[in-house]
Amino acid sequence: ISKNMICAKIYNEKWTIERYIRQYEQRINIVHLEKSSEYLTKLLDTIHLAKDIDELRGIEGISQVTYFSCFNDMILKQKEDFGYDSRSRRPPLDPINALLSYMYSILSNDVASALESVGLDAYAGFMHTDRPGRISLALDVVEELRAPIADRFILSLINMNQIKKDDFLFEDNEAVLIKDDSRKKIIKLWQERKQKTLTHPFLNEKIEWGLVPFTQAMLLARYLRDDLDGYPAFMWK
């Protein structure tokens, strides 16, 4: 299950980059994006060779560094205000990291609710270790959904000028926080985004993006109950 999830995560990171290469070839330097995409393809080929969960986590970590090295290239507007260097948490040190932490938290809660709705324990994970109060299984499933759902939403907020530097608070300890009113604005745009549709890659049916967490939870539950031969992780294209 963990291998399927990480395979989907890297696949979705690769295709997020590929979309920017195809759509914005004339606006950005695509050399770095192309090399990163090729490297992610090589990482995909190594997943089946992972002998244990630690080795799999290592592959996942390398893929994340590779993918996020492209994030600044995918910011097409407001570069001066939304430059991205590296991932920072607790606290986030720039507006991009503040957005990533906020949206990952919202997406994780959505997935946890979906898992519970199909009778699965959101706290019992396969890849993320179990800790008191940690929704480990939800964090597992979120891995495959970060790039196609949360990251694309964040990039669209910036590239469509729907969020500005003024939407953030810059604290004395260098922490960057999203203003309360701005959080409400983001949630409204998030709800609108969730109503858009896609063709689910496994079911081959049109669904709303907001139903993807529930659909993956349902498919995982079906696999665990022997209704499916394998868990079809979400691989979007």
C-alpha atoms as a PDB file:
ATOM      1  CA  ILE A   1       0.000   0.000   0.000  1.00  0.00           C
ATOM      2  CA  SER A   2       2.780   2.424   0.904  1.00  0.00           C
ATOM      3  CA  LYS A   3       4.588   1.700  -2.359  1.00  0.00           C
ATOM      4  CA  ASN A   4       1.408   2.426  -4.330  1.00  0.00           C
ATOM      5  CA  MET A   5       0.889   5.700  -2.459  1.00  0.00           C
ATOM      6  CA  ILE A   6       4.471   6.915  -2.990  1.00  0.00           C
ATOM      7  CA  CYS A   7       4.385   5.831  -6.619  1.00  0.00           C
ATOM      8  CA  ALA A   8       1.276   7.989  -7.069  1.00  0.00           C
ATOM      9  CA  LYS A   9       2.859  10.874  -5.181  1.00  0.00           C
ATOM     10  CA  ILE A  10       5.946  10.946  -7.409  1.00  0.00           C
ATOM     11  CA  TYR A  11       3.839  10.408 -10.539  1.00  0.00           C
ATOM     12  CA  ASN A  12       1.629  13.366  -9.608  1.00  0.00           C
ATOM     13  CA  GLU A  13       4.648  15.553  -8.828  1.00  0.00           C
ATOM     14  CA  LYS A  14       6.088  14.669 -12.228  1.00  0.00           C
ATOM     15  CA  TRP A  15       2.888  15.495 -14.089  1.00  0.00           C
ATOM     16  CA  THR A  16       2.398  18.756 -12.232  1.00  0.00           C
ATOM     17  CA  ILE A  17       5.822  19.772 -13.521  1.00  0.00           C
ATOM     18  CA  GLU A  18       5.037  18.405 -16.992  1.00  0.00           C
ATOM     19  CA  ARG A  19       1.898  20.514 -17.247  1.00  0.00           C
ATOM     20  CA  TYR A  20       3.910  23.662 -16.636  1.00  0.00           C
ATOM     21  CA  ILE A  21       6.436  22.602 -19.255  1.00  0.00           C
ATOM     22  CA  ARG A  22       3.672  22.136 -21.840  1.00  0.00           C
ATOM     23  CA  GLN A  23       1.579  25.182 -20.962  1.00  0.00           C
ATOM     24  CA  TYR A  24       4.257  27.779 -20.232  1.00  0.00           C
ATOM     25  CA  GLU A  25       7.191  26.764 -22.399  1.00  0.00           C
ATOM     26  CA  GLN A  26       7.521  30.302 -23.778  1.00  0.00           C
ATOM     27  CA  ARG A  27       7.351  31.987 -20.367  1.00  0.00           C
ATOM     28  CA  ILE A  28       9.718  29.987 -18.177  1.00  0.00           C
ATOM     29  CA  ASN A  29      13.109  28.319 -18.397  1.00  0.00           C
ATOM     30  CA  ILE A  30      12.049  24.703 -18.753  1.00  0.00           C
ATOM     31  CA  VAL A  31      15.517  23.092 -18.670  1.00  0.00           C
ATOM     32  CA  HIS A  32      15.471  22.615 -14.891  1.00  0.00           C
ATOM     33  CA  LEU A  33      11.866  21.389 -15.001  1.00  0.00           C
ATOM     34  CA  GLU A  34      12.676  18.844 -17.713  1.00  0.00           C
ATOM     35  CA  LYS A  35      15.687  17.487 -15.811  1.00  0.00           C
ATOM     36  CA  SER A  36      13.647  17.235 -12.619  1.00  0.00           C
ATOM     37  CA  SER A  37      10.869  15.391 -14.430  1.00  0.00           C
ATOM     38  CA  GLU A  38      13.384  12.927 -15.871  1.00  0.00           C
ATOM     39  CA  TYR A  39      14.857  12.334 -12.409  1.00  0.00           C
ATOM     40  CA  LEU A  40      11.408  11.719 -10.937  1.00  0.00           C
ATOM     41  CA  THR A  41      10.858   9.105 -13.647  1.00  0.00           C
ATOM     42  CA  LYS A  42      14.038   7.343 -12.532  1.00  0.00           C
ATOM     43  CA  LEU A  43      12.859   7.440  -8.922  1.00  0.00           C
ATOM     44  CA  LEU A  44       9.566   5.861  -9.978  1.00  0.00           C
ATOM     45  CA  ASP A  45      11.540   2.927 -11.373  1.00  0.00           C
ATOM     46  CA  THR A  46      13.241   2.354  -8.006  1.00  0.00           C
ATOM     47  CA  ILE A  47      10.120   2.126  -5.828  1.00  0.00           C
ATOM     48  CA  HIS A  48       9.528  -1.584  -6.429  1.00  0.00           C
ATOM     49  CA  LEU A  49      13.122  -2.253  -5.317  1.00  0.00           C
ATOM     50  CA  ALA A  50      12.619  -0.744  -1.850  1.00  0.00           C
ATOM     51  CA  LYS A  51      13.207  -3.498   0.716  1.00  0.00           C
ATOM     52  CA  ASP A  52      11.588  -1.801   3.699  1.00  0.00           C
ATOM     53  CA  ILE A  53       9.622   1.264   4.767  1.00  0.00           C
ATOM     54  CA  ASP A  54      12.755   3.273   5.612  1.00  0.00           C
ATOM     55  CA  GLU A  55      14.143   2.805   2.110  1.00  0.00           C
ATOM     56  CA  LEU A  56      10.787   3.831   0.689  1.00  0.00           C
ATOM     57  CA  ARG A  57      10.771   6.950   2.867  1.00  0.00           C
ATOM     58  CA  GLY A  58      14.229   7.760   1.511  1.00  0.00           C
ATOM     59  CA  ILE A  59      12.983   7.625  -2.087  1.00  0.00           C
ATOM     60  CA  GLU A  60       9.986   9.763  -1.133  1.00  0.00           C
ATOM     61  CA  GLY A  61      12.252  12.327   0.535  1.00  0.00           C
ATOM     62  CA  ILE A  62      14.487  12.636  -2.523  1.00  0.00           C
ATOM     63  CA  SER A  63      11.461  13.049  -4.768  1.00  0.00           C
ATOM     64  CA  GLN A  64      10.089  15.820  -2.582  1.00  0.00           C
ATOM     65  CA  VAL A  65      13.361  17.760  -2.680  1.00  0.00           C
ATOM     66  CA  THR A  66      13.465  17.358  -6.471  1.00  0.00           C
ATOM     67  CA  TYR A  67       9.856  18.455  -6.910  1.00  0.00           C
ATOM     68  CA  PHE A  68      10.063  21.468  -4.618  1.00  0.00           C
ATOM     69  CA  SER A  69      13.233  22.623  -6.372  1.00  0.00           C
ATOM     70  CA  CYS A  70      10.848  23.403  -9.266  1.00  0.00           C
ATOM     71  CA  PHE A  71       8.257  25.243  -7.194  1.00  0.00           C
ATOM     72  CA  ASN A  72       9.752  28.692  -7.692  1.00  0.00           C
ATOM     73  CA  ASP A  73       9.800  28.117 -11.466  1.00  0.00           C
ATOM     74  CA  MET A  74       6.063  27.407 -11.387  1.00  0.00           C
ATOM     75  CA  ILE A  75       5.318  30.767  -9.741  1.00  0.00           C
ATOM     76  CA  LEU A  76       4.575  32.902 -12.786  1.00  0.00           C
ATOM     77  CA  LYS A  77       3.441  36.139 -11.134  1.00  0.00           C
ATOM     78  CA  GLN A  78       4.240  38.145  -7.989  1.00  0.00           C
ATOM     79  CA  LYS A  79       7.754  36.670  -7.914  1.00  0.00           C
ATOM     80  CA  GLU A  80       9.095  39.344  -5.586  1.00  0.00           C
ATOM     81  CA  ASP A  81       6.425  38.634  -2.971  1.00  0.00           C
ATOM     82  CA  PHE A  82       6.149  34.857  -3.391  1.00  0.00           C
ATOM     83  CA  GLY A  83       9.642  33.611  -4.013  1.00  0.00           C
ATOM     84  CA  TYR A  84      10.227  30.063  -2.782  1.00  0.00           C
ATOM     85  CA  ASP A  85      13.535  28.687  -1.520  1.00  0.00           C
ATOM     86  CA  SER A  86      12.906  25.627   0.646  1.00  0.00           C
ATOM     87  CA  ARG A  87      10.262  23.965   2.799  1.00  0.00           C
ATOM     88  CA  SER A  88       9.941  25.365   6.342  1.00  0.00           C
ATOM     89  CA  ARG A  89       7.441  24.428   9.044  1.00  0.00           C
ATOM     90  CA  ARG A  90       6.684  25.307  12.665  1.00  0.00           C
ATOM     91  CA  PRO A  91       6.877  28.136  11.875  1.00  0.00           C
ATOM     92  CA  PRO A  92       6.634  28.736   8.128  1.00  0.00           C
ATOM     93  CA  LEU A  93       9.176  31.388   7.154  1.00  0.00           C
ATOM     94  CA  ASP A  94       7.614  32.770   3.966  1.00  0.00           C
ATOM     95  CA  PRO A  95       4.145  33.138   2.397  1.00  0.00           C
ATOM     96  CA  ILE A  96       4.490  30.002   0.238  1.00  0.00           C
ATOM     97  CA  ASN A  97       5.273  27.829   3.239  1.00  0.00           C
ATOM     98  CA  ALA A  98       2.420  29.404   5.181  1.00  0.00           C
ATOM     99  CA  LEU A  99       0.060  28.448   2.344  1.00  0.00           C
ATOM    100  CA  LEU A 100       1.475  24.938   2.050  1.00  0.00           C
ATOM    101  CA  SER A 101       1.102  24.259   5.770  1.00  0.00           C
ATOM    102  CA  TYR A 102      -2.426  25.671   5.823  1.00  0.00           C
ATOM    103  CA  MET A 103      -3.688  23.780   2.784  1.00  0.00           C
ATOM    104  CA  TYR A 104      -2.006  20.495   3.764  1.00  0.00           C
ATOM    105  CA  SER A 105      -3.736  20.741   7.138  1.00  0.00           C
ATOM    106  CA  ILE A 106      -7.132  21.323   5.512  1.00  0.00           C
ATOM    107  CA  LEU A 107      -6.603  18.498   3.011  1.00  0.00           C
ATOM    108  CA  SER A 108      -5.487  16.132   5.800  1.00  0.00           C
ATOM    109  CA  ASN A 109      -8.661  16.846   7.756  1.00  0.00           C
ATOM    110  CA  ASP A 110     -10.767  16.269   4.630  1.00  0.00           C
ATOM    111  CA  VAL A 111      -9.065  12.906   4.095  1.00  0.00           C
ATOM    112  CA  ALA A 112      -9.432  11.929   7.768  1.00  0.00           C
ATOM    113  CA  SER A 113     -13.176  12.611   7.595  1.00  0.00           C
ATOM    114  CA  ALA A 114     -13.429  10.577   4.385  1.00  0.00           C
ATOM    115  CA  LEU A 115     -11.590   7.623   5.951  1.00  0.00           C
ATOM    116  CA  GLU A 116     -13.805   7.644   9.013  1.00  0.00           C
ATOM    117  CA  SER A 117     -16.915   7.821   6.802  1.00  0.00           C
ATOM    118  CA  VAL A 118     -15.994   4.486   5.165  1.00  0.00           C
ATOM    119  CA  GLY A 119     -15.199   2.818   8.480  1.00  0.00           C
ATOM    120  CA  LEU A 120     -11.398   3.129   8.513  1.00  0.00           C
ATOM    121  CA  ASP A 121      -9.302   4.364  11.435  1.00  0.00           C
ATOM    122  CA  ALA A 122      -7.642   7.601  10.305  1.00  0.00           C
ATOM    123  CA  TYR A 123      -5.059   7.221  13.095  1.00  0.00           C
ATOM    124  CA  ALA A 124      -3.661   3.812  12.032  1.00  0.00           C
ATOM    125  CA  GLY A 125      -1.203   4.446   9.215  1.00  0.00           C
ATOM    126  CA  PHE A 126       0.935   2.251   6.981  1.00  0.00           C
ATOM    127  CA  MET A 127       3.844   4.585   6.257  1.00  0.00           C
ATOM    128  CA  HIS A 128       3.473   7.380   8.825  1.00  0.00           C
ATOM    129  CA  THR A 129       4.227   6.025  12.284  1.00  0.00           C
ATOM    130  CA  ASP A 130       1.390   5.912  14.783  1.00  0.00           C
ATOM    131  CA  ARG A 131       1.537   8.593  17.465  1.00  0.00           C
ATOM    132  CA  PRO A 132      -1.116   9.750  19.928  1.00  0.00           C
ATOM    133  CA  GLY A 133      -3.396  12.251  18.189  1.00  0.00           C
ATOM    134  CA  ARG A 134      -1.750  11.847  14.774  1.00  0.00           C
ATOM    135  CA  ILE A 135      -4.012  11.025  11.817  1.00  0.00           C
ATOM    136  CA  SER A 136      -1.365   8.734  10.332  1.00  0.00           C
ATOM    137  CA  LEU A 137      -3.526   6.981   7.720  1.00  0.00           C
ATOM    138  CA  ALA A 138      -4.893  10.320   6.530  1.00  0.00           C
ATOM    139  CA  LEU A 139      -1.309  11.580   6.154  1.00  0.00           C
ATOM    140  CA  ASP A 140      -0.517   8.449   4.116  1.00  0.00           C
ATOM    141  CA  VAL A 141      -3.344   9.122   1.666  1.00  0.00           C
ATOM    142  CA  VAL A 142      -2.561  12.853   1.543  1.00  0.00           C
ATOM    143  CA  GLU A 143       0.855  12.068   0.051  1.00  0.00           C
ATOM    144  CA  GLU A 144      -0.712  11.140  -3.286  1.00  0.00           C
ATOM    145  CA  LEU A 145      -3.024  14.192  -3.248  1.00  0.00           C
ATOM    146  CA  ARG A 146      -0.625  17.008  -2.307  1.00  0.00           C
ATOM    147  CA  ALA A 147       0.567  17.961  -5.785  1.00  0.00           C
ATOM    148  CA  PRO A 148      -2.635  17.609  -7.841  1.00  0.00           C
ATOM    149  CA  ILE A 149      -4.950  19.166  -5.246  1.00  0.00           C
ATOM    150  CA  ALA A 150      -3.215  21.404  -2.688  1.00  0.00           C
ATOM    151  CA  ASP A 151      -0.118  22.521  -4.618  1.00  0.00           C
ATOM    152  CA  ARG A 152      -1.983  23.312  -7.830  1.00  0.00           C
ATOM    153  CA  PHE A 153      -4.525  25.304  -5.830  1.00  0.00           C
ATOM    154  CA  ILE A 154      -1.784  27.332  -4.124  1.00  0.00           C
ATOM    155  CA  LEU A 155      -0.031  28.045  -7.416  1.00  0.00           C
ATOM    156  CA  SER A 156      -3.314  29.174  -8.975  1.00  0.00           C
ATOM    157  CA  LEU A 157      -3.999  31.526  -6.038  1.00  0.00           C
ATOM    158  CA  ILE A 158      -0.697  33.271  -6.701  1.00  0.00           C
ATOM    159  CA  ASN A 159      -0.630  33.106 -10.496  1.00  0.00           C
ATOM    160  CA  MET A 160      -4.206  34.386 -10.776  1.00  0.00           C
ATOM    161  CA  ASN A 161      -3.501  37.208  -8.298  1.00  0.00           C
ATOM    162  CA  GLN A 162      -6.179  35.903  -5.922  1.00  0.00           C
ATOM    163  CA  ILE A 163      -3.882  36.332  -2.949  1.00  0.00           C
ATOM    164  CA  LYS A 164      -1.367  39.088  -2.210  1.00  0.00           C
ATOM    165  CA  LYS A 165       1.503  39.843   0.144  1.00  0.00           C
ATOM    166  CA  ASP A 166      -0.914  41.940   2.218  1.00  0.00           C
ATOM    167  CA  ASP A 167      -2.788  38.745   3.123  1.00  0.00           C
ATOM    168  CA  PHE A 168       0.068  37.707   5.439  1.00  0.00           C
ATOM    169  CA  LEU A 169       1.455  38.731   8.814  1.00  0.00           C
ATOM    170  CA  PHE A 170       5.237  38.885   9.200  1.00  0.00           C
ATOM    171  CA  GLU A 171       6.152  38.263  12.832  1.00  0.00           C
ATOM    172  CA  ASP A 172       9.266  39.437  14.701  1.00  0.00           C
ATOM    173  CA  ASN A 173      10.468  35.818  15.052  1.00  0.00           C
ATOM    174  CA  GLU A 174      10.410  35.546  11.207  1.00  0.00           C
ATOM    175  CA  ALA A 175       7.262  33.426  11.233  1.00  0.00           C
ATOM    176  CA  VAL A 176       4.793  34.193   8.435  1.00  0.00           C
ATOM    177  CA  LEU A 177       1.089  33.743   9.155  1.00  0.00           C
ATOM    178  CA  ILE A 178      -2.051  34.066   7.041  1.00  0.00           C
ATOM    179  CA  LYS A 179      -4.421  36.766   8.255  1.00  0.00           C
ATOM    180  CA  ASP A 180      -7.788  35.577   9.572  1.00  0.00           C
ATOM    181  CA  ASP A 181      -9.802  37.379   6.892  1.00  0.00           C
ATOM    182  CA  SER A 182      -7.503  35.980   4.234  1.00  0.00           C
ATOM    183  CA  ARG A 183      -8.024  32.446   5.544  1.00  0.00           C
ATOM    184  CA  LYS A 184     -11.751  32.917   5.014  1.00  0.00           C
ATOM    185  CA  LYS A 185     -11.114  34.130   1.465  1.00  0.00           C
ATOM    186  CA  ILE A 186      -8.907  31.117   0.762  1.00  0.00           C
ATOM    187  CA  ILE A 187     -11.527  28.711   2.120  1.00  0.00           C
ATOM    188  CA  LYS A 188     -14.180  30.267  -0.140  1.00  0.00           C
ATOM    189  CA  LEU A 189     -11.943  29.815  -3.184  1.00  0.00           C
ATOM    190  CA  TRP A 190     -11.092  26.289  -2.013  1.00  0.00           C
ATOM    191  CA  GLN A 191     -14.770  25.350  -1.862  1.00  0.00           C
ATOM    192  CA  GLU A 192     -15.264  26.698  -5.383  1.00  0.00           C
ATOM    193  CA  ARG A 193     -12.256  24.739  -6.628  1.00  0.00           C
ATOM    194  CA  LYS A 194     -13.594  21.520  -5.106  1.00  0.00           C
ATOM    195  CA  GLN A 195     -16.729  21.797  -7.257  1.00  0.00           C
ATOM    196  CA  LYS A 196     -14.766  21.500 -10.498  1.00  0.00           C
ATOM    197  CA  THR A 197     -14.819  18.080 -12.134  1.00  0.00           C
ATOM    198  CA  LEU A 198     -12.313  15.548 -13.390  1.00  0.00           C
ATOM    199  CA  THR A 199     -12.423  12.028 -14.761  1.00  0.00           C
ATOM    200  CA  HIS A 200     -11.230   9.722 -12.006  1.00  0.00           C
ATOM    201  CA  PRO A 201      -8.251   7.721 -13.356  1.00  0.00           C
ATOM    202  CA  PHE A 202      -9.394   4.378 -11.892  1.00  0.00           C
ATOM    203  CA  LEU A 203     -13.189   4.619 -11.920  1.00  0.00           C
ATOM    204  CA  ASN A 204     -13.202   6.426 -15.286  1.00  0.00           C
ATOM    205  CA  GLU A 205     -16.168   8.468 -14.072  1.00  0.00           C
ATOM    206  CA  LYS A 206     -16.617  12.221 -13.747  1.00  0.00           C
ATOM    207  CA  ILE A 207     -16.525  13.399 -10.142  1.00  0.00           C
ATOM    208  CA  GLU A 208     -15.903  16.679  -8.355  1.00  0.00           C
ATOM    209  CA  TRP A 209     -12.404  17.324  -7.020  1.00  0.00           C
ATOM    210  CA  GLY A 210     -13.939  17.614  -3.569  1.00  0.00           C
ATOM    211  CA  LEU A 211     -14.939  13.933  -3.769  1.00  0.00           C
ATOM    212  CA  VAL A 212     -11.429  12.653  -4.504  1.00  0.00           C
ATOM    213  CA  PRO A 213     -10.530  12.109  -0.804  1.00  0.00           C
ATOM    214  CA  PHE A 214     -13.742  10.129  -0.250  1.00  0.00           C
ATOM    215  CA  THR A 215     -13.220   8.127  -3.448  1.00  0.00           C
ATOM    216  CA  GLN A 216      -9.684   7.153  -2.427  1.00  0.00           C
ATOM    217  CA  ALA A 217     -10.875   6.269   1.073  1.00  0.00           C
ATOM    218  CA  MET A 218     -13.588   4.077  -0.435  1.00  0.00           C
ATOM    219  CA  LEU A 219     -11.118   2.322  -2.746  1.00  0.00           C
ATOM    220  CA  LEU A 220      -8.695   1.725   0.115  1.00  0.00           C
ATOM    221  CA  ALA A 221     -11.495   0.272   2.237  1.00  0.00           C
ATOM    222  CA  ARG A 222     -12.563  -2.009  -0.631  1.00  0.00           C
ATOM    223  CA  TYR A 223      -9.007  -3.307  -0.986  1.00  0.00           C
ATOM    224  CA  LEU A 224      -8.626  -3.928   2.750  1.00  0.00           C
ATOM    225  CA  ARG A 225     -11.914  -5.862   2.673  1.00  0.00           C
ATOM    226  CA  ASP A 226     -10.723  -7.980  -0.280  1.00  0.00           C
ATOM    227  CA  ASP A 227     -13.105  -6.414  -2.794  1.00  0.00           C
ATOM    228  CA  LEU A 228     -10.160  -5.259  -4.960  1.00  0.00           C
ATOM    229  CA  ASP A 229      -6.909  -6.990  -5.896  1.00  0.00           C
ATOM    230  CA  GLY A 230      -4.824  -3.898  -5.081  1.00  0.00           C
ATOM    231  CA  TYR A 231      -5.133  -0.344  -3.849  1.00  0.00           C
ATOM    232  CA  PRO A 232      -5.486   1.991  -6.867  1.00  0.00           C
ATOM    233  CA  ALA A 233      -3.716   5.117  -5.626  1.00  0.00           C
ATOM    234  CA  PHE A 234      -4.736   8.412  -7.259  1.00  0.00           C
ATOM    235  CA  MET A 235      -2.561   9.003 -10.343  1.00  0.00           C
ATOM    236  CA  TRP A 236      -3.785  12.142 -12.065  1.00  0.00           C
ATOM    237  CA  LYS A 237      -2.949  13.302 -15.557  1.00  0.00           C
END
